[in-house]
Amino acid sequence: ADSFIAANPDLLTGAILKRYSNGRAVTAQAR
């Protein structure tokens, strides 16, 4: 896991959430 995380630092930034329109991923329904 440490090697995986080191090779994928973008996962630590939450950049993956840029694939969702503003606020979509954090609504009550999305939870």
PDB file of all heavy atoms in Angstrom:
ATOM      1  N   ALA A   1       0.818  -1.217   0.000  1.00  0.00           N
ATOM      2  CA  ALA A   1       0.000   0.000   0.000  1.00  0.00           C
ATOM      3  C   ALA A   1       0.850   1.265   0.000  1.00  0.00           C
ATOM      4  O   ALA A   1       0.502   2.250  -0.663  1.00  0.00           O
ATOM      5  CB  ALA A   1      -0.950  -0.005   1.201  1.00  0.00           C
ATOM      6  N   ASP A   2       1.948   1.254   0.719  1.00  0.00           N
ATOM      7  CA  ASP A   2       2.809   2.438   0.757  1.00  0.00           C
ATOM      8  C   ASP A   2       3.348   2.770  -0.640  1.00  0.00           C
ATOM      9  O   ASP A   2       3.381   3.931  -1.039  1.00  0.00           O
ATOM     10  CB  ASP A   2       3.968   2.241   1.735  1.00  0.00           C
ATOM     11  CG  ASP A   2       3.518   2.256   3.185  1.00  0.00           C
ATOM     12  OD1 ASP A   2       2.685   3.112   3.541  1.00  0.00           O
ATOM     13  OD2 ASP A   2       3.996   1.406   3.954  1.00  0.00           O
ATOM     14  N   SER A   3       3.755   1.754  -1.381  1.00  0.00           N
ATOM     15  CA  SER A   3       4.250   1.960  -2.744  1.00  0.00           C
ATOM     16  C   SER A   3       3.137   2.465  -3.646  1.00  0.00           C
ATOM     17  O   SER A   3       3.360   3.341  -4.492  1.00  0.00           O
ATOM     18  CB  SER A   3       4.809   0.659  -3.319  1.00  0.00           C
ATOM     19  OG  SER A   3       5.890   0.209  -2.553  1.00  0.00           O
ATOM     20  N   PHE A   4       1.942   1.912  -3.461  1.00  0.00           N
ATOM     21  CA  PHE A   4       0.796   2.359  -4.252  1.00  0.00           C
ATOM     22  C   PHE A   4       0.510   3.841  -3.998  1.00  0.00           C
ATOM     23  O   PHE A   4       0.340   4.619  -4.935  1.00  0.00           O
ATOM     24  CB  PHE A   4      -0.444   1.517  -3.913  1.00  0.00           C
ATOM     25  CG  PHE A   4      -1.683   2.000  -4.602  1.00  0.00           C
ATOM     26  CD1 PHE A   4      -1.941   1.633  -5.910  1.00  0.00           C
ATOM     27  CD2 PHE A   4      -2.578   2.840  -3.956  1.00  0.00           C
ATOM     28  CE1 PHE A   4      -3.069   2.105  -6.567  1.00  0.00           C
ATOM     29  CE2 PHE A   4      -3.710   3.308  -4.596  1.00  0.00           C
ATOM     30  CZ  PHE A   4      -3.951   2.942  -5.911  1.00  0.00           C
ATOM     31  N   ILE A   5       0.474   4.230  -2.741  1.00  0.00           N
ATOM     32  CA  ILE A   5       0.186   5.620  -2.386  1.00  0.00           C
ATOM     33  C   ILE A   5       1.280   6.549  -2.921  1.00  0.00           C
ATOM     34  O   ILE A   5       0.983   7.613  -3.474  1.00  0.00           O
ATOM     35  CB  ILE A   5      -0.010   5.762  -0.865  1.00  0.00           C
ATOM     36  CG1 ILE A   5      -1.300   5.046  -0.445  1.00  0.00           C
ATOM     37  CG2 ILE A   5      -0.033   7.227  -0.440  1.00  0.00           C
ATOM     38  CD1 ILE A   5      -1.451   4.847   1.056  1.00  0.00           C
ATOM     39  N   ALA A   6       2.525   6.143  -2.784  1.00  0.00           N
ATOM     40  CA  ALA A   6       3.631   6.972  -3.283  1.00  0.00           C
ATOM     41  C   ALA A   6       3.544   7.184  -4.793  1.00  0.00           C
ATOM     42  O   ALA A   6       3.886   8.257  -5.297  1.00  0.00           O
ATOM     43  CB  ALA A   6       4.971   6.342  -2.910  1.00  0.00           C
ATOM     44  N   ALA A   7       3.076   6.175  -5.516  1.00  0.00           N
ATOM     45  CA  ALA A   7       2.978   6.261  -6.975  1.00  0.00           C
ATOM     46  C   ALA A   7       1.712   6.975  -7.447  1.00  0.00           C
ATOM     47  O   ALA A   7       1.583   7.284  -8.634  1.00  0.00           O
ATOM     48  CB  ALA A   7       3.032   4.862  -7.578  1.00  0.00           C
ATOM     49  N   ASN A   8       0.788   7.222  -6.528  1.00  0.00           N
ATOM     50  CA  ASN A   8      -0.499   7.823  -6.881  1.00  0.00           C
ATOM     51  C   ASN A   8      -0.846   8.990  -5.957  1.00  0.00           C
ATOM     52  O   ASN A   8      -1.903   8.998  -5.317  1.00  0.00           O
ATOM     53  CB  ASN A   8      -1.597   6.756  -6.814  1.00  0.00           C
ATOM     54  CG  ASN A   8      -1.414   5.684  -7.855  1.00  0.00           C
ATOM     55  OD1 ASN A   8      -1.733   5.881  -9.013  1.00  0.00           O
ATOM     56  ND2 ASN A   8      -0.869   4.542  -7.446  1.00  0.00           N
ATOM     57  N   PRO A   9       0.015   9.997  -5.892  1.00  0.00           N
ATOM     58  CA  PRO A   9      -0.223  11.093  -4.948  1.00  0.00           C
ATOM     59  C   PRO A   9      -1.479  11.904  -5.229  1.00  0.00           C
ATOM     60  O   PRO A   9      -2.020  12.546  -4.328  1.00  0.00           O
ATOM     61  CB  PRO A   9       1.039  11.955  -5.081  1.00  0.00           C
ATOM     62  CG  PRO A   9       1.545  11.664  -6.457  1.00  0.00           C
ATOM     63  CD  PRO A   9       1.228  10.206  -6.684  1.00  0.00           C
ATOM     64  N   ASP A  10      -1.975  11.853  -6.468  1.00  0.00           N
ATOM     65  CA  ASP A  10      -3.204  12.587  -6.782  1.00  0.00           C
ATOM     66  C   ASP A  10      -4.400  12.069  -5.991  1.00  0.00           C
ATOM     67  O   ASP A  10      -5.354  12.807  -5.746  1.00  0.00           O
ATOM     68  CB  ASP A  10      -3.503  12.539  -8.282  1.00  0.00           C
ATOM     69  CG  ASP A  10      -3.767  11.129  -8.775  1.00  0.00           C
ATOM     70  OD1 ASP A  10      -2.895  10.236  -8.556  1.00  0.00           O
ATOM     71  OD2 ASP A  10      -4.831  10.895  -9.363  1.00  0.00           O
ATOM     72  N   LEU A  11      -4.341  10.813  -5.562  1.00  0.00           N
ATOM     73  CA  LEU A  11      -5.439  10.264  -4.758  1.00  0.00           C
ATOM     74  C   LEU A  11      -5.511  10.934  -3.388  1.00  0.00           C
ATOM     75  O   LEU A  11      -6.561  10.933  -2.749  1.00  0.00           O
ATOM     76  CB  LEU A  11      -5.294   8.746  -4.599  1.00  0.00           C
ATOM     77  CG  LEU A  11      -5.470   7.931  -5.873  1.00  0.00           C
ATOM     78  CD1 LEU A  11      -5.199   6.460  -5.584  1.00  0.00           C
ATOM     79  CD2 LEU A  11      -6.850   8.129  -6.477  1.00  0.00           C
ATOM     80  N   LEU A  12      -4.405  11.501  -2.951  1.00  0.00           N
ATOM     81  CA  LEU A  12      -4.389  12.183  -1.652  1.00  0.00           C
ATOM     82  C   LEU A  12      -5.006  13.575  -1.721  1.00  0.00           C
ATOM     83  O   LEU A  12      -5.365  14.145  -0.691  1.00  0.00           O
ATOM     84  CB  LEU A  12      -2.953  12.277  -1.128  1.00  0.00           C
ATOM     85  CG  LEU A  12      -2.260  10.943  -0.869  1.00  0.00           C
ATOM     86  CD1 LEU A  12      -0.809  11.172  -0.485  1.00  0.00           C
ATOM     87  CD2 LEU A  12      -2.995  10.153   0.196  1.00  0.00           C
ATOM     88  N   THR A  13      -5.136  14.112  -2.913  1.00  0.00           N
ATOM     89  CA  THR A  13      -5.642  15.478  -3.067  1.00  0.00           C
ATOM     90  C   THR A  13      -7.142  15.555  -3.260  1.00  0.00           C
ATOM     91  O   THR A  13      -7.715  16.634  -3.209  1.00  0.00           O
ATOM     92  CB  THR A  13      -4.984  16.169  -4.277  1.00  0.00           C
ATOM     93  OG1 THR A  13      -5.447  15.534  -5.473  1.00  0.00           O
ATOM     94  CG2 THR A  13      -3.473  16.131  -4.182  1.00  0.00           C
ATOM     95  N   GLY A  14      -7.772  14.436  -3.542  1.00  0.00           N
ATOM     96  CA  GLY A  14      -9.201  14.460  -3.827  1.00  0.00           C
ATOM     97  C   GLY A  14      -9.502  14.874  -5.255  1.00  0.00           C
ATOM     98  O   GLY A  14     -10.640  15.197  -5.591  1.00  0.00           O
ATOM     99  N   ALA A  15      -8.482  14.863  -6.127  1.00  0.00           N
ATOM    100  CA  ALA A  15      -8.670  15.272  -7.516  1.00  0.00           C
ATOM    101  C   ALA A  15      -9.743  14.453  -8.222  1.00  0.00           C
ATOM    102  O   ALA A  15     -10.385  14.933  -9.146  1.00  0.00           O
ATOM    103  CB  ALA A  15      -7.343  15.168  -8.275  1.00  0.00           C
ATOM    104  N   ILE A  16      -9.950  13.240  -7.775  1.00  0.00           N
ATOM    105  CA  ILE A  16     -10.958  12.375  -8.380  1.00  0.00           C
ATOM    106  C   ILE A  16     -12.350  13.011  -8.337  1.00  0.00           C
ATOM    107  O   ILE A  16     -13.190  12.769  -9.189  1.00  0.00           O
ATOM    108  CB  ILE A  16     -10.955  10.990  -7.689  1.00  0.00           C
ATOM    109  CG1 ILE A  16     -11.766   9.979  -8.473  1.00  0.00           C
ATOM    110  CG2 ILE A  16     -11.455  11.075  -6.277  1.00  0.00           C
ATOM    111  CD1 ILE A  16     -11.622   8.567  -7.959  1.00  0.00           C
ATOM    112  N   LEU A  17     -12.574  13.888  -7.377  1.00  0.00           N
ATOM    113  CA  LEU A  17     -13.889  14.522  -7.234  1.00  0.00           C
ATOM    114  C   LEU A  17     -14.131  15.590  -8.296  1.00  0.00           C
ATOM    115  O   LEU A  17     -15.264  16.075  -8.428  1.00  0.00           O
ATOM    116  CB  LEU A  17     -14.052  15.085  -5.829  1.00  0.00           C
ATOM    117  CG  LEU A  17     -13.969  14.036  -4.727  1.00  0.00           C
ATOM    118  CD1 LEU A  17     -14.125  14.671  -3.360  1.00  0.00           C
ATOM    119  CD2 LEU A  17     -15.006  12.935  -4.936  1.00  0.00           C
ATOM    120  N   LYS A  18     -13.108  15.916  -9.083  1.00  0.00           N
ATOM    121  CA  LYS A  18     -13.288  16.861 -10.183  1.00  0.00           C
ATOM    122  C   LYS A  18     -14.144  16.263 -11.291  1.00  0.00           C
ATOM    123  O   LYS A  18     -14.533  16.957 -12.218  1.00  0.00           O
ATOM    124  CB  LYS A  18     -11.939  17.313 -10.736  1.00  0.00           C
ATOM    125  CG  LYS A  18     -11.183  18.195  -9.770  1.00  0.00           C
ATOM    126  CD  LYS A  18      -9.869  18.646 -10.353  1.00  0.00           C
ATOM    127  CE  LYS A  18      -9.148  19.519  -9.335  1.00  0.00           C
ATOM    128  NZ  LYS A  18      -7.848  19.944  -9.809  1.00  0.00           N
ATOM    129  N   ARG A  19     -14.439  14.988 -11.196  1.00  0.00           N
ATOM    130  CA  ARG A  19     -15.302  14.324 -12.179  1.00  0.00           C
ATOM    131  C   ARG A  19     -16.789  14.532 -11.860  1.00  0.00           C
ATOM    132  O   ARG A  19     -17.647  14.046 -12.570  1.00  0.00           O
ATOM    133  CB  ARG A  19     -15.004  12.838 -12.221  1.00  0.00           C
ATOM    134  CG  ARG A  19     -13.604  12.543 -12.679  1.00  0.00           C
ATOM    135  CD  ARG A  19     -13.340  11.075 -12.685  1.00  0.00           C
ATOM    136  NE  ARG A  19     -11.926  10.831 -12.876  1.00  0.00           N
ATOM    137  CZ  ARG A  19     -11.350   9.668 -12.646  1.00  0.00           C
ATOM    138  NH1 ARG A  19     -12.065   8.655 -12.218  1.00  0.00           N
ATOM    139  NH2 ARG A  19     -10.068   9.524 -12.828  1.00  0.00           N
ATOM    140  N   TYR A  20     -17.046  15.231 -10.770  1.00  0.00           N
ATOM    141  CA  TYR A  20     -18.422  15.517 -10.347  1.00  0.00           C
ATOM    142  C   TYR A  20     -18.664  17.020 -10.419  1.00  0.00           C
ATOM    143  O   TYR A  20     -17.805  17.811 -10.045  1.00  0.00           O
ATOM    144  CB  TYR A  20     -18.639  15.046  -8.904  1.00  0.00           C
ATOM    145  CG  TYR A  20     -18.544  13.552  -8.749  1.00  0.00           C
ATOM    146  CD1 TYR A  20     -17.324  12.930  -8.544  1.00  0.00           C
ATOM    147  CD2 TYR A  20     -19.684  12.760  -8.818  1.00  0.00           C
ATOM    148  CE1 TYR A  20     -17.234  11.550  -8.410  1.00  0.00           C
ATOM    149  CE2 TYR A  20     -19.603  11.380  -8.689  1.00  0.00           C
ATOM    150  CZ  TYR A  20     -18.375  10.783  -8.491  1.00  0.00           C
ATOM    151  OH  TYR A  20     -18.289   9.433  -8.365  1.00  0.00           O
ATOM    152  N   SER A  21     -19.844  17.400 -10.888  1.00  0.00           N
ATOM    153  CA  SER A  21     -20.168  18.824 -10.914  1.00  0.00           C
ATOM    154  C   SER A  21     -20.172  19.362  -9.486  1.00  0.00           C
ATOM    155  O   SER A  21     -20.284  18.607  -8.518  1.00  0.00           O
ATOM    156  CB  SER A  21     -21.509  19.062 -11.603  1.00  0.00           C
ATOM    157  OG  SER A  21     -22.532  18.313 -10.984  1.00  0.00           O
ATOM    158  N   ASN A  22     -20.038  20.667  -9.384  1.00  0.00           N
ATOM    159  CA  ASN A  22     -19.882  21.340  -8.103  1.00  0.00           C
ATOM    160  C   ASN A  22     -20.927  20.910  -7.070  1.00  0.00           C
ATOM    161  O   ASN A  22     -22.116  21.108  -7.261  1.00  0.00           O
ATOM    162  CB  ASN A  22     -19.936  22.854  -8.301  1.00  0.00           C
ATOM    163  CG  ASN A  22     -19.495  23.597  -7.068  1.00  0.00           C
ATOM    164  OD1 ASN A  22     -18.743  23.079  -6.254  1.00  0.00           O
ATOM    165  ND2 ASN A  22     -19.968  24.811  -6.922  1.00  0.00           N
ATOM    166  N   GLY A  23     -20.461  20.295  -6.000  1.00  0.00           N
ATOM    167  CA  GLY A  23     -21.331  19.914  -4.898  1.00  0.00           C
ATOM    168  C   GLY A  23     -22.040  18.577  -5.047  1.00  0.00           C
ATOM    169  O   GLY A  23     -22.583  18.054  -4.084  1.00  0.00           O
ATOM    170  N   ARG A  24     -22.055  18.004  -6.235  1.00  0.00           N
ATOM    171  CA  ARG A  24     -22.804  16.762  -6.475  1.00  0.00           C
ATOM    172  C   ARG A  24     -22.367  15.610  -5.569  1.00  0.00           C
ATOM    173  O   ARG A  24     -23.200  14.850  -5.080  1.00  0.00           O
ATOM    174  CB  ARG A  24     -22.652  16.357  -7.942  1.00  0.00           C
ATOM    175  CG  ARG A  24     -23.305  15.022  -8.300  1.00  0.00           C
ATOM    176  CD  ARG A  24     -23.156  14.747  -9.798  1.00  0.00           C
ATOM    177  NE  ARG A  24     -23.404  13.372 -10.170  1.00  0.00           N
ATOM    178  CZ  ARG A  24     -24.599  12.856 -10.393  1.00  0.00           C
ATOM    179  NH1 ARG A  24     -25.677  13.593 -10.271  1.00  0.00           N
ATOM    180  NH2 ARG A  24     -24.724  11.576 -10.739  1.00  0.00           N
ATOM    181  N   ALA A  25     -21.081  15.468  -5.328  1.00  0.00           N
ATOM    182  CA  ALA A  25     -20.580  14.318  -4.575  1.00  0.00           C
ATOM    183  C   ALA A  25     -20.737  14.452  -3.063  1.00  0.00           C
ATOM    184  O   ALA A  25     -20.478  13.494  -2.332  1.00  0.00           O
ATOM    185  CB  ALA A  25     -19.111  14.076  -4.909  1.00  0.00           C
ATOM    186  N   VAL A  26     -21.167  15.607  -2.601  1.00  0.00           N
ATOM    187  CA  VAL A  26     -21.245  15.809  -1.151  1.00  0.00           C
ATOM    188  C   VAL A  26     -22.652  16.130  -0.655  1.00  0.00           C
ATOM    189  O   VAL A  26     -22.818  16.549   0.484  1.00  0.00           O
ATOM    190  CB  VAL A  26     -20.244  16.891  -0.680  1.00  0.00           C
ATOM    191  CG1 VAL A  26     -18.813  16.432  -0.906  1.00  0.00           C
ATOM    192  CG2 VAL A  26     -20.498  18.213  -1.380  1.00  0.00           C
ATOM    193  N   THR A  27     -23.656  15.893  -1.480  1.00  0.00           N
ATOM    194  CA  THR A  27     -25.031  16.128  -1.051  1.00  0.00           C
ATOM    195  C   THR A  27     -25.462  15.022  -0.088  1.00  0.00           C
ATOM    196  O   THR A  27     -24.824  13.963   0.005  1.00  0.00           O
ATOM    197  CB  THR A  27     -25.994  16.128  -2.250  1.00  0.00           C
ATOM    198  OG1 THR A  27     -25.991  14.821  -2.845  1.00  0.00           O
ATOM    199  CG2 THR A  27     -25.604  17.181  -3.282  1.00  0.00           C
ATOM    200  N   ALA A  28     -26.549  15.258   0.609  1.00  0.00           N
ATOM    201  CA  ALA A  28     -27.088  14.234   1.512  1.00  0.00           C
ATOM    202  C   ALA A  28     -27.423  12.965   0.742  1.00  0.00           C
ATOM    203  O   ALA A  28     -27.178  11.850   1.223  1.00  0.00           O
ATOM    204  CB  ALA A  28     -28.325  14.778   2.237  1.00  0.00           C
ATOM    205  N   GLN A  29     -27.966  13.133  -0.456  1.00  0.00           N
ATOM    206  CA  GLN A  29     -28.302  11.963  -1.269  1.00  0.00           C
ATOM    207  C   GLN A  29     -27.036  11.212  -1.692  1.00  0.00           C
ATOM    208  O   GLN A  29     -27.008   9.979  -1.702  1.00  0.00           O
ATOM    209  CB  GLN A  29     -29.121  12.389  -2.485  1.00  0.00           C
ATOM    210  CG  GLN A  29     -29.712  11.224  -3.236  1.00  0.00           C
ATOM    211  CD  GLN A  29     -30.563  11.657  -4.408  1.00  0.00           C
ATOM    212  OE1 GLN A  29     -30.418  12.768  -4.917  1.00  0.00           O
ATOM    213  NE2 GLN A  29     -31.443  10.784  -4.845  1.00  0.00           N
ATOM    214  N   ALA A  30     -25.972  11.945  -2.028  1.00  0.00           N
ATOM    215  CA  ALA A  30     -24.711  11.317  -2.437  1.00  0.00           C
ATOM    216  C   ALA A  30     -24.071  10.553  -1.283  1.00  0.00           C
ATOM    217  O   ALA A  30     -23.318   9.611  -1.503  1.00  0.00           O
ATOM    218  CB  ALA A  30     -23.740  12.365  -2.961  1.00  0.00           C
ATOM    219  N   ARG A  31     -24.380  10.952  -0.067  1.00  0.00           N
ATOM    220  CA  ARG A  31     -23.866  10.227   1.095  1.00  0.00           C
ATOM    221  C   ARG A  31     -24.568   8.872   1.235  1.00  0.00           C
ATOM    222  O   ARG A  31     -23.956   7.902   1.655  1.00  0.00           O
ATOM    223  CB  ARG A  31     -24.054  11.044   2.369  1.00  0.00           C
ATOM    224  CG  ARG A  31     -23.175  12.264   2.430  1.00  0.00           C
ATOM    225  CD  ARG A  31     -23.408  13.044   3.740  1.00  0.00           C
ATOM    226  NE  ARG A  31     -22.686  14.283   3.739  1.00  0.00           N
ATOM    227  CZ  ARG A  31     -21.381  14.411   3.905  1.00  0.00           C
ATOM    228  NH1 ARG A  31     -20.633  13.345   4.078  1.00  0.00           N
ATOM    229  NH2 ARG A  31     -20.823  15.595   3.902  1.00  0.00           N
TER     230      ARG A  31
END
